[in-house]
Amino acid sequence: MRALIALLLTLTFLTTAHAQEAEAPAPDRSATGGAQTLEDILARQRGETVDNSFRSDAVGNPESAAGMANQLGTLGGSSDPELWRALRFGSADITSTYRGPAATTLVQDGGMKWLTFREGPLSTYGAYLMGGTLVLLALFYLLRGRIRIDGEKTGRRIERFKAIERFGHWLLAGSFILLGITGLITLFGRKVLIPAFGHEAFSTIAIASKWVHNNVSWAFMIALVMIFVMWVIHNLPDRTDINWLLKGGGIFTKGHPPAKKFNAGQKLIFWSVILLGGSISVSGLALLFPFEMNMFAATFAKLNAWGISGALGLGELPTVLAPHQEMQFAQLWHAIVSFVLMAIVLAHIYIGSVGMEGAYDAMGSGQVEEQWAKEHHSLWVEEVQAKQKAAPESATPAE
């Protein structure tokens, strides 16, 4: 799972940066005495690769310090710029009375790449994904219309989900909706809400969103475990799923392929929620407990060792990450996977509400129209009816 997390995040984040980076020719630094030039600064802002060895190596030499009795001896072997360069490139020997995990990381400029990606590709493509999903669902509704019950309704009802199953579903659904809304406020709030409501109103909204997001996350994780335990046995793949997929679930034709309690489409939704929701939960825990769960450095090392990073053209991935970089990767992964899952859930909400007649009853009252059940889950109906028929036959007559 950790390898999958890092691989996908690498493809989305590092590939973007890698595509922008081109080895820039070394500029003439004779006019600056070997110090960085304006062209160095502009090249970094353009996303180009700049060889920083001319700075990272210029950190002074304590062994060449003048003696204490000599002129300037108290200044030691490093000037202030050299000391800050050592801090900047992580080569300074730092001690700290504070024992936190990030105590000795005094300068970490990877935040600029994180901020650029967060405000650029992440926000842009995330908005496209959400908006595109809504547009496609609207077009599908206009072209296909609502999926109706084909046969005549019987008026008889079949219990599809028990109360505890519906509770787990709605706990998961409600918490995910709240997490999605508050997450979008956190990502887009500065661009959208501040111009609309002002800084003070946004401050109140942002603080409330953060509190809701952090605390509702526990309900989401509990519900995720609940539905996995209750439904995993019904969502294991079987041969009926192949036929269902080949016929498109009957969505584009009249009549629906046979299916058990969950059809292939619902199984895809289930495993998407479990795997993506689980991944979101792990990265969310890393964000709730900063610097405690460092996943990416070790995973990058495995990808390098397995040759996956080289095969994808990403070169050697960094295996030494500052605690802040671990958090930045966790935040980006958390947002990327959340966008994907939100798009999937939007399609699920559509089918379970306006998209299909009778579908909402399954999670509303737990009782569905018998004809609807026969059309969409005929194999499951046969199992239920067989159990109901076997129950009276096996009962012991009262004396």
Protein backbone atom coordinates (compact mmCIF):
# COMPACT_ATOMS: atom_id res chain seq x y z
CA MET A 1 0.00 0.00 0.00
CA ARG A 2 2.82 2.40 0.86
CA ALA A 3 4.48 1.65 -2.45
CA LEU A 4 1.21 2.37 -4.27
CA ILE A 5 0.76 5.63 -2.39
CA ALA A 6 4.24 6.86 -3.20
CA LEU A 7 4.12 5.67 -6.80
CA LEU A 8 0.89 7.47 -7.62
CA LEU A 9 1.92 10.61 -5.79
CA THR A 10 5.23 10.52 -7.61
CA LEU A 11 3.43 10.27 -10.95
CA THR A 12 1.25 13.27 -10.17
CA PHE A 13 3.68 15.52 -8.33
CA LEU A 14 7.22 14.63 -9.36
CA THR A 15 6.29 14.01 -13.00
CA THR A 16 4.88 17.52 -13.21
CA ALA A 17 8.05 18.99 -11.83
CA HIS A 18 10.21 16.65 -13.90
CA ALA A 19 8.47 17.67 -17.11
CA GLN A 20 9.17 21.32 -16.36
CA GLU A 21 12.79 20.82 -15.39
CA ALA A 22 15.48 21.10 -18.02
CA GLU A 23 19.14 21.23 -17.17
CA ALA A 24 20.06 24.88 -17.56
CA PRO A 25 23.52 25.83 -18.78
CA ALA A 26 25.76 27.18 -16.03
CA PRO A 27 25.75 31.00 -16.21
CA ASP A 28 28.89 33.09 -16.02
CA ARG A 29 29.36 33.91 -12.33
CA SER A 30 32.67 35.70 -12.69
CA ALA A 31 31.01 39.07 -12.17
CA THR A 32 29.61 37.95 -8.81
CA GLY A 33 32.76 36.27 -7.60
CA GLY A 34 31.14 32.84 -7.82
CA ALA A 35 27.93 33.85 -6.03
CA GLN A 36 24.53 33.23 -7.57
CA THR A 37 23.34 35.54 -10.31
CA LEU A 38 19.97 36.93 -11.27
CA GLU A 39 19.79 34.25 -13.99
CA ASP A 40 20.17 31.53 -11.31
CA ILE A 41 17.20 32.95 -9.44
CA LEU A 42 15.05 33.34 -12.55
CA ALA A 43 15.89 29.80 -13.71
CA ARG A 44 14.66 28.36 -10.40
CA GLN A 45 11.47 30.40 -10.66
CA ARG A 46 10.91 28.96 -14.15
CA GLY A 47 11.19 25.45 -12.71
CA GLU A 48 14.50 24.65 -14.38
CA THR A 49 17.18 22.54 -12.72
CA VAL A 50 20.01 24.65 -11.33
CA ASP A 51 23.26 23.10 -10.18
CA ASN A 52 23.49 24.39 -6.61
CA SER A 53 26.87 22.84 -5.87
CA PHE A 54 28.53 26.25 -6.20
CA ARG A 55 26.47 27.27 -3.15
CA SER A 56 26.05 24.01 -1.25
CA ASP A 57 29.82 23.51 -1.16
CA ALA A 58 30.60 27.08 -0.14
CA VAL A 59 29.90 26.66 3.56
CA GLY A 60 33.27 27.62 4.96
CA ASN A 61 35.92 25.52 6.68
CA PRO A 62 36.16 25.68 10.47
CA GLU A 63 39.64 24.14 10.32
CA SER A 64 40.94 27.22 8.53
CA ALA A 65 39.73 29.55 11.25
CA ALA A 66 42.25 31.98 12.60
CA GLY A 67 43.45 31.50 16.14
CA MET A 68 41.65 33.26 18.94
CA ALA A 69 44.64 35.55 19.49
CA ASN A 70 44.91 36.50 15.85
CA GLN A 71 43.06 39.25 14.07
CA LEU A 72 39.41 38.23 13.28
CA GLY A 73 40.00 34.95 15.05
CA THR A 74 36.71 35.11 16.97
CA LEU A 75 34.80 35.02 13.68
CA GLY A 76 35.71 31.35 13.16
CA GLY A 77 36.04 29.63 9.80
CA SER A 78 32.61 30.50 8.39
CA SER A 79 30.99 33.79 7.56
CA ASP A 80 27.31 34.41 8.19
CA PRO A 81 26.36 33.69 4.54
CA GLU A 82 28.34 30.47 4.67
CA LEU A 83 26.61 29.44 7.88
CA TRP A 84 23.19 30.07 6.39
CA ARG A 85 24.13 28.11 3.27
CA ALA A 86 25.09 25.18 5.50
CA LEU A 87 21.69 25.43 7.18
CA ARG A 88 19.97 25.76 3.82
CA PHE A 89 21.58 22.61 2.38
CA GLY A 90 21.42 20.54 5.58
CA SER A 91 25.18 20.25 6.12
CA ALA A 92 25.43 22.26 9.34
CA ASP A 93 26.09 20.45 12.60
CA ILE A 94 23.03 21.54 14.54
CA THR A 95 22.21 20.85 18.18
CA SER A 96 18.96 21.81 19.84
CA THR A 97 17.53 21.68 23.35
CA TYR A 98 14.13 20.97 21.79
CA ARG A 99 13.74 17.26 21.07
CA GLY A 100 10.91 17.37 18.54
CA PRO A 101 11.23 15.49 15.23
CA ALA A 102 11.86 18.68 13.24
CA ALA A 103 14.04 20.41 15.82
CA THR A 104 17.22 20.51 13.74
CA THR A 105 15.58 21.49 10.45
CA LEU A 106 16.00 25.26 10.47
CA VAL A 107 15.71 25.94 6.73
CA GLN A 108 13.56 23.87 4.35
CA ASP A 109 12.60 25.54 1.10
CA GLY A 110 10.77 22.55 -0.41
CA GLY A 111 7.62 24.32 0.68
CA MET A 112 7.77 26.49 -2.42
CA LYS A 113 7.42 23.49 -4.72
CA TRP A 114 4.60 22.20 -2.52
CA LEU A 115 2.83 25.58 -2.59
CA THR A 116 3.28 25.98 -6.34
CA PHE A 117 1.86 22.52 -7.02
CA ARG A 118 -0.99 22.99 -4.52
CA GLU A 119 -2.10 26.33 -5.96
CA GLY A 120 -1.43 25.32 -9.56
CA PRO A 121 -1.96 21.79 -10.93
CA LEU A 122 -3.70 20.42 -7.83
CA SER A 123 -6.34 23.15 -7.66
CA THR A 124 -6.74 23.43 -11.44
CA TYR A 125 -7.05 19.74 -12.32
CA GLY A 126 -9.03 19.03 -9.16
CA ALA A 127 -11.59 21.63 -10.19
CA TYR A 128 -11.66 20.21 -13.75
CA LEU A 129 -12.25 16.71 -12.40
CA MET A 130 -15.14 17.75 -10.16
CA GLY A 131 -16.73 20.03 -12.74
CA GLY A 132 -16.23 17.52 -15.55
CA THR A 133 -17.86 14.76 -13.51
CA LEU A 134 -20.94 16.91 -12.86
CA VAL A 135 -21.19 17.85 -16.55
CA LEU A 136 -20.93 14.21 -17.66
CA LEU A 137 -23.60 13.13 -15.17
CA ALA A 138 -25.91 15.90 -16.39
CA LEU A 139 -25.36 14.88 -20.01
CA PHE A 140 -25.97 11.23 -19.16
CA TYR A 141 -29.23 12.14 -17.48
CA LEU A 142 -30.34 14.18 -20.48
CA LEU A 143 -29.48 11.39 -22.92
CA ARG A 144 -30.47 8.31 -20.94
CA GLY A 145 -33.00 9.71 -18.53
CA ARG A 146 -33.90 8.01 -15.30
CA ILE A 147 -33.50 4.23 -15.27
CA ARG A 148 -37.04 3.03 -14.61
CA ILE A 149 -38.41 -0.26 -13.33
CA ASP A 150 -39.25 -2.13 -16.53
CA GLY A 151 -41.86 -4.60 -15.27
CA GLU A 152 -45.06 -4.09 -13.32
CA LYS A 153 -44.59 -3.29 -9.65
CA THR A 154 -45.82 -5.99 -7.29
CA GLY A 155 -46.32 -3.90 -4.16
CA ARG A 156 -44.30 -6.47 -2.20
CA ARG A 157 -41.12 -5.42 -0.44
CA ILE A 158 -37.87 -7.26 0.24
CA GLU A 159 -35.45 -6.29 3.00
CA ARG A 160 -32.22 -5.31 1.31
CA PHE A 161 -30.21 -3.77 4.13
CA LYS A 162 -30.59 -4.07 7.89
CA ALA A 163 -30.57 -1.05 10.19
CA ILE A 164 -26.94 -1.50 11.21
CA GLU A 165 -25.90 -1.64 7.54
CA ARG A 166 -27.78 1.55 6.76
CA PHE A 167 -26.27 3.23 9.81
CA GLY A 168 -22.75 2.34 8.65
CA HIS A 169 -23.50 3.57 5.13
CA TRP A 170 -24.95 6.91 6.22
CA LEU A 171 -22.20 7.45 8.79
CA LEU A 172 -19.67 6.97 6.01
CA ALA A 173 -21.63 9.07 3.52
CA GLY A 174 -22.38 11.93 5.92
CA SER A 175 -18.83 12.15 7.25
CA PHE A 176 -17.34 12.01 3.75
CA ILE A 177 -19.59 14.83 2.54
CA LEU A 178 -18.56 16.99 5.49
CA LEU A 179 -14.91 16.14 4.94
CA GLY A 180 -15.22 16.92 1.24
CA ILE A 181 -16.85 20.31 1.81
CA THR A 182 -14.41 21.39 4.53
CA GLY A 183 -11.47 20.11 2.50
CA LEU A 184 -12.56 22.14 -0.53
CA ILE A 185 -12.93 25.21 1.70
CA THR A 186 -9.36 24.70 2.90
CA LEU A 187 -8.01 24.36 -0.64
CA PHE A 188 -10.07 26.97 -2.50
CA GLY A 189 -11.12 29.28 0.33
CA ARG A 190 -8.46 31.93 -0.14
CA LYS A 191 -9.24 32.26 -3.85
CA VAL A 192 -13.02 31.94 -3.69
CA LEU A 193 -14.34 32.84 -0.25
CA ILE A 194 -12.08 35.78 0.68
CA PRO A 195 -13.09 37.82 -2.39
CA ALA A 196 -16.75 36.96 -1.73
CA PHE A 197 -17.00 37.39 2.06
CA GLY A 198 -13.82 39.12 3.20
CA HIS A 199 -10.94 38.04 5.42
CA GLU A 200 -12.74 38.09 8.77
CA ALA A 201 -15.67 35.95 7.62
CA PHE A 202 -13.31 33.53 5.91
CA SER A 203 -11.22 33.26 9.08
CA THR A 204 -14.28 32.11 11.02
CA ILE A 205 -15.27 29.68 8.28
CA ALA A 206 -11.74 28.31 7.95
CA ILE A 207 -11.31 27.74 11.70
CA ALA A 208 -14.68 25.97 11.89
CA SER A 209 -13.86 23.89 8.81
CA LYS A 210 -10.55 22.78 10.29
CA TRP A 211 -12.23 21.72 13.55
CA VAL A 212 -14.99 19.82 11.71
CA HIS A 213 -12.52 18.19 9.31
CA ASN A 214 -10.19 16.96 12.05
CA ASN A 215 -12.92 15.54 14.27
CA VAL A 216 -15.34 14.12 11.69
CA SER A 217 -12.42 12.18 10.21
CA TRP A 218 -12.71 9.68 13.08
CA ALA A 219 -16.33 8.94 12.16
CA PHE A 220 -15.26 8.34 8.57
CA MET A 221 -12.57 5.86 9.59
CA ILE A 222 -14.92 4.00 11.94
CA ALA A 223 -17.60 3.77 9.22
CA LEU A 224 -14.99 2.58 6.73
CA VAL A 225 -14.14 -0.35 8.99
CA MET A 226 -17.85 -1.08 9.55
CA ILE A 227 -18.82 -1.37 5.91
CA PHE A 228 -15.71 -3.39 5.13
CA VAL A 229 -16.55 -5.97 7.81
CA MET A 230 -20.23 -6.12 6.87
CA TRP A 231 -19.94 -6.22 3.08
CA VAL A 232 -16.54 -7.56 2.06
CA ILE A 233 -17.89 -11.11 1.71
CA HIS A 234 -20.52 -9.87 -0.76
CA ASN A 235 -18.02 -7.84 -2.81
CA LEU A 236 -15.55 -10.54 -3.71
CA PRO A 237 -15.32 -10.92 -7.52
CA ASP A 238 -17.10 -13.84 -9.20
CA ARG A 239 -17.92 -14.95 -12.73
CA THR A 240 -21.25 -13.10 -12.82
CA ASP A 241 -19.32 -9.82 -12.72
CA ILE A 242 -17.76 -10.48 -16.13
CA ASN A 243 -21.14 -10.88 -17.77
CA TRP A 244 -22.46 -7.78 -15.99
CA LEU A 245 -19.53 -5.67 -17.20
CA LEU A 246 -19.74 -6.98 -20.77
CA LYS A 247 -23.39 -5.92 -20.91
CA GLY A 248 -22.72 -2.57 -19.27
CA GLY A 249 -25.00 -3.40 -16.39
CA GLY A 250 -28.02 -2.86 -18.61
CA ILE A 251 -27.55 0.88 -18.28
CA PHE A 252 -27.55 1.47 -22.04
CA THR A 253 -29.98 -1.33 -22.96
CA LYS A 254 -33.29 -2.61 -21.73
CA GLY A 255 -33.03 -5.39 -19.19
CA HIS A 256 -30.32 -5.98 -16.60
CA PRO A 257 -27.79 -8.82 -16.30
CA PRO A 258 -28.18 -11.26 -13.36
CA ALA A 259 -26.38 -10.15 -10.21
CA LYS A 260 -26.01 -11.14 -6.60
CA LYS A 261 -26.43 -8.77 -3.65
CA PHE A 262 -23.89 -6.41 -5.20
CA ASN A 263 -23.34 -6.18 -8.94
CA ALA A 264 -19.95 -5.53 -10.57
CA GLY A 265 -20.52 -1.78 -10.63
CA GLN A 266 -21.28 -1.68 -6.92
CA LYS A 267 -18.24 -3.85 -6.23
CA LEU A 268 -16.06 -1.34 -8.06
CA ILE A 269 -17.54 1.43 -5.93
CA PHE A 270 -17.00 -0.62 -2.76
CA TRP A 271 -13.33 -1.35 -3.43
CA SER A 272 -12.71 2.22 -4.57
CA VAL A 273 -14.11 3.49 -1.28
CA ILE A 274 -12.19 0.95 0.80
CA LEU A 275 -8.81 1.37 -0.92
CA LEU A 276 -8.93 5.09 -1.64
CA GLY A 277 -10.70 5.84 1.65
CA GLY A 278 -8.10 3.79 3.50
CA SER A 279 -5.30 5.66 1.77
CA ILE A 280 -6.94 8.99 2.59
CA SER A 281 -7.24 7.88 6.21
CA VAL A 282 -3.55 6.93 6.47
CA SER A 283 -2.37 10.24 5.01
CA GLY A 284 -4.93 12.03 7.17
CA LEU A 285 -3.49 10.41 10.30
CA ALA A 286 -0.05 11.62 9.22
CA LEU A 287 -1.47 15.14 9.04
CA LEU A 288 -3.28 14.85 12.37
CA PHE A 289 -0.05 13.74 14.06
CA PRO A 290 2.67 15.79 12.33
CA PHE A 291 6.04 14.16 11.74
CA GLU A 292 5.02 10.91 13.44
CA MET A 293 4.22 8.83 10.33
CA ASN A 294 7.00 9.20 7.75
CA MET A 295 5.96 7.07 4.78
CA PHE A 296 7.54 8.50 1.67
CA ALA A 297 11.32 8.34 2.16
CA ALA A 298 11.24 4.60 2.86
CA THR A 299 8.83 3.98 -0.01
CA PHE A 300 10.92 6.02 -2.45
CA ALA A 301 13.91 3.89 -1.46
CA LYS A 302 11.96 0.73 -2.35
CA LEU A 303 10.86 2.18 -5.70
CA ASN A 304 14.47 3.03 -6.49
CA ALA A 305 15.65 -0.44 -5.47
CA TRP A 306 12.96 -2.15 -7.56
CA GLY A 307 13.83 0.01 -10.59
CA ILE A 308 10.29 1.40 -10.85
CA SER A 309 11.33 5.05 -10.63
CA GLY A 310 13.94 4.57 -13.36
CA ALA A 311 11.49 2.73 -15.61
CA LEU A 312 9.09 5.67 -15.33
CA GLY A 313 11.84 8.12 -16.24
CA LEU A 314 11.85 9.78 -12.84
CA GLY A 315 15.46 9.00 -12.01
CA GLU A 316 16.49 8.41 -8.42
CA LEU A 317 13.78 9.53 -6.04
CA PRO A 318 14.93 11.29 -2.86
CA THR A 319 15.39 8.93 0.06
CA VAL A 320 16.36 11.52 2.64
CA LEU A 321 13.41 13.81 3.34
CA ALA A 322 13.05 16.47 5.97
CA PRO A 323 10.06 16.00 8.28
CA HIS A 324 8.41 18.96 6.57
CA GLN A 325 8.78 17.29 3.17
CA GLU A 326 7.08 14.17 4.49
CA MET A 327 4.16 16.34 5.57
CA GLN A 328 4.06 18.12 2.23
CA PHE A 329 3.90 14.81 0.34
CA ALA A 330 1.21 13.54 2.75
CA GLN A 331 -0.90 16.67 2.22
CA LEU A 332 -0.65 16.47 -1.57
CA TRP A 333 -1.46 12.76 -1.63
CA HIS A 334 -4.39 13.34 0.75
CA ALA A 335 -5.86 15.96 -1.60
CA ILE A 336 -5.21 14.07 -4.86
CA VAL A 337 -6.85 10.83 -3.71
CA SER A 338 -9.73 12.77 -2.14
CA PHE A 339 -10.48 14.42 -5.49
CA VAL A 340 -10.57 11.03 -7.22
CA LEU A 341 -12.84 9.53 -4.57
CA MET A 342 -15.17 12.56 -4.61
CA ALA A 343 -15.64 12.14 -8.37
CA ILE A 344 -16.48 8.45 -7.89
CA VAL A 345 -18.87 9.22 -5.04
CA LEU A 346 -20.67 11.84 -7.14
CA ALA A 347 -21.47 9.13 -9.69
CA HIS A 348 -22.61 6.84 -6.86
CA ILE A 349 -24.88 9.54 -5.45
CA TYR A 350 -26.38 10.14 -8.88
CA ILE A 351 -27.26 6.47 -9.44
CA GLY A 352 -28.60 6.10 -5.91
CA SER A 353 -30.91 9.11 -6.16
CA VAL A 354 -32.24 10.67 -9.38
CA GLY A 355 -30.45 8.26 -11.72
CA MET A 356 -32.38 5.08 -10.91
CA GLU A 357 -35.93 4.53 -9.80
CA GLY A 358 -36.20 2.53 -6.58
CA ALA A 359 -32.48 2.61 -5.78
CA TYR A 360 -32.75 5.07 -2.87
CA ASP A 361 -35.19 2.81 -0.99
CA ALA A 362 -32.36 0.33 -0.40
CA MET A 363 -30.61 2.78 1.93
CA GLY A 364 -33.68 4.80 2.84
CA SER A 365 -36.09 2.34 4.43
CA GLY A 366 -33.99 -0.76 3.72
CA GLN A 367 -36.98 -2.29 1.87
CA VAL A 368 -37.04 -2.42 -1.94
CA GLU A 369 -39.76 -3.18 -4.46
CA GLU A 370 -39.66 -6.87 -5.37
CA GLN A 371 -39.78 -6.16 -9.09
CA TRP A 372 -36.82 -3.75 -8.81
CA ALA A 373 -34.85 -6.39 -6.91
CA LYS A 374 -35.62 -9.06 -9.53
CA GLU A 375 -34.49 -6.78 -12.35
CA HIS A 376 -31.24 -5.58 -10.78
CA HIS A 377 -30.25 -8.39 -8.40
CA SER A 378 -32.08 -11.48 -9.61
CA LEU A 379 -29.58 -13.99 -8.18
CA TRP A 380 -29.79 -12.34 -4.77
CA VAL A 381 -33.60 -12.47 -4.84
CA GLU A 382 -33.44 -16.18 -5.59
CA GLU A 383 -31.15 -16.70 -2.60
CA VAL A 384 -33.46 -14.72 -0.29
CA GLN A 385 -36.57 -16.54 -1.46
CA ALA A 386 -34.83 -19.92 -1.11
CA LYS A 387 -33.92 -19.11 2.50
CA GLN A 388 -37.47 -17.97 3.25
CA LYS A 389 -38.88 -21.17 1.79
CA ALA A 390 -36.40 -23.37 3.66
CA ALA A 391 -37.11 -21.71 7.01
CA PRO A 392 -40.73 -22.98 7.46
CA GLU A 393 -39.82 -26.44 6.18
CA SER A 394 -37.07 -26.82 8.75
CA ALA A 395 -39.14 -25.46 11.65
CA THR A 396 -40.26 -27.89 14.37
CA PRO A 397 -44.08 -28.12 14.62
CA ALA A 398 -45.55 -26.95 17.93
CA GLU A 399 -46.93 -29.75 20.10
